[in-house]
């Protein structure tokens, strides 16, 4: 239909931050997989996520005092990565 609003594409997001998500707070990140490296923590959405989910995770990380390093996304359909 011409002129109908379109939904923005849902994307798979990867959030990289400095610091550690405490075990007690990991359940607050439902829908995200948390992996920890030597200095960085990465959260990856378990499937296509919308902007609200992304911003909710970013807000929670900030509340925990973690430092945002990078946010990347890829189209859920194509698999392309962007920044």
Protein backbone atom coordinates (compact mmCIF):
# COMPACT_ATOMS: atom_id res chain seq x y z
CA UNK A 1 0.00 0.00 0.00
CA UNK A 2 1.44 3.36 -1.05
CA UNK A 3 2.12 5.80 1.75
CA UNK A 4 1.74 3.22 4.51
CA UNK A 5 4.33 3.54 7.27
CA UNK A 6 6.95 0.82 7.22
CA UNK A 7 8.46 -0.83 10.23
CA UNK A 8 12.20 -0.34 10.63
CA UNK A 9 14.07 -3.61 10.14
CA UNK A 10 14.87 -5.53 13.27
CA UNK A 11 18.55 -6.17 13.63
CA UNK A 12 20.86 -8.42 15.57
CA UNK A 13 22.98 -6.23 17.86
CA UNK A 14 26.38 -6.69 19.47
CA UNK A 15 27.27 -4.43 22.39
CA UNK A 16 30.85 -4.34 23.64
CA UNK A 17 31.66 -2.74 26.98
CA UNK A 18 34.40 -2.57 29.60
CA UNK A 19 33.57 -4.22 32.86
CA UNK A 20 31.67 -7.28 33.97
CA UNK A 21 27.93 -7.86 34.23
CA UNK A 22 27.53 -9.31 37.74
CA UNK A 23 26.05 -12.80 37.91
CA UNK A 24 23.16 -11.48 40.02
CA UNK A 25 22.14 -9.09 37.21
CA UNK A 26 22.53 -11.42 34.20
CA UNK A 27 18.85 -12.41 34.30
CA UNK A 28 18.00 -8.73 33.64
CA UNK A 29 19.34 -9.19 30.11
CA UNK A 30 16.76 -11.68 28.86
CA UNK A 31 17.08 -12.05 25.09
CA UNK A 32 20.82 -11.33 25.16
CA UNK A 33 23.81 -13.69 25.27
CA UNK A 34 26.63 -12.40 27.46
CA UNK A 35 30.22 -13.45 26.78
CA UNK A 36 33.27 -12.23 28.63
CA UNK A 37 36.79 -11.74 27.36
CA UNK A 38 39.90 -10.74 29.24
CA UNK A 39 38.96 -7.05 29.45
CA UNK A 40 35.67 -6.70 27.60
CA UNK A 41 32.15 -8.04 27.83
CA UNK A 42 30.03 -8.59 24.72
CA UNK A 43 26.25 -8.84 24.64
CA UNK A 44 24.65 -10.26 21.49
CA UNK A 45 20.93 -10.19 20.93
CA UNK A 46 19.60 -13.74 20.70
CA UNK A 47 17.59 -12.83 17.61
CA UNK A 48 16.25 -9.78 15.86
CA UNK A 49 15.91 -6.94 18.37
CA UNK A 50 14.16 -3.61 18.11
CA UNK A 51 15.45 -0.20 19.18
CA UNK A 52 13.63 -0.41 22.52
CA UNK A 53 15.44 -3.63 23.40
CA UNK A 54 18.80 -2.13 22.41
CA UNK A 55 18.25 1.04 24.43
CA UNK A 56 17.01 -0.95 27.42
CA UNK A 57 20.22 -3.00 27.43
CA UNK A 58 22.36 0.13 27.02
CA UNK A 59 20.56 1.88 29.89
CA UNK A 60 21.00 -1.13 32.16
CA UNK A 61 24.72 -1.41 31.33
CA UNK A 62 25.16 2.29 32.15
CA UNK A 63 23.30 1.83 35.45
CA UNK A 64 25.75 -0.97 36.31
CA UNK A 65 28.67 1.38 35.64
CA UNK A 66 30.00 -0.41 32.57
CA UNK A 67 31.70 1.68 29.87
CA UNK A 68 30.30 1.39 26.35
CA UNK A 69 32.99 0.61 23.76
CA UNK A 70 31.05 -0.27 20.62
CA UNK A 71 27.61 -1.11 19.25
CA UNK A 72 27.37 -3.05 16.00
CA UNK A 73 24.38 -4.34 14.12
CA UNK A 74 23.59 -6.62 11.26
CA UNK A 75 20.39 -7.17 9.40
CA UNK A 76 18.57 -10.19 10.76
CA UNK A 77 17.81 -11.28 7.19
CA UNK A 78 21.08 -10.58 5.41
CA UNK A 79 23.73 -10.93 8.12
CA UNK A 80 25.61 -7.77 7.16
CA UNK A 81 27.44 -6.00 9.96
CA UNK A 82 27.34 -2.24 10.46
CA UNK A 83 28.30 0.33 13.06
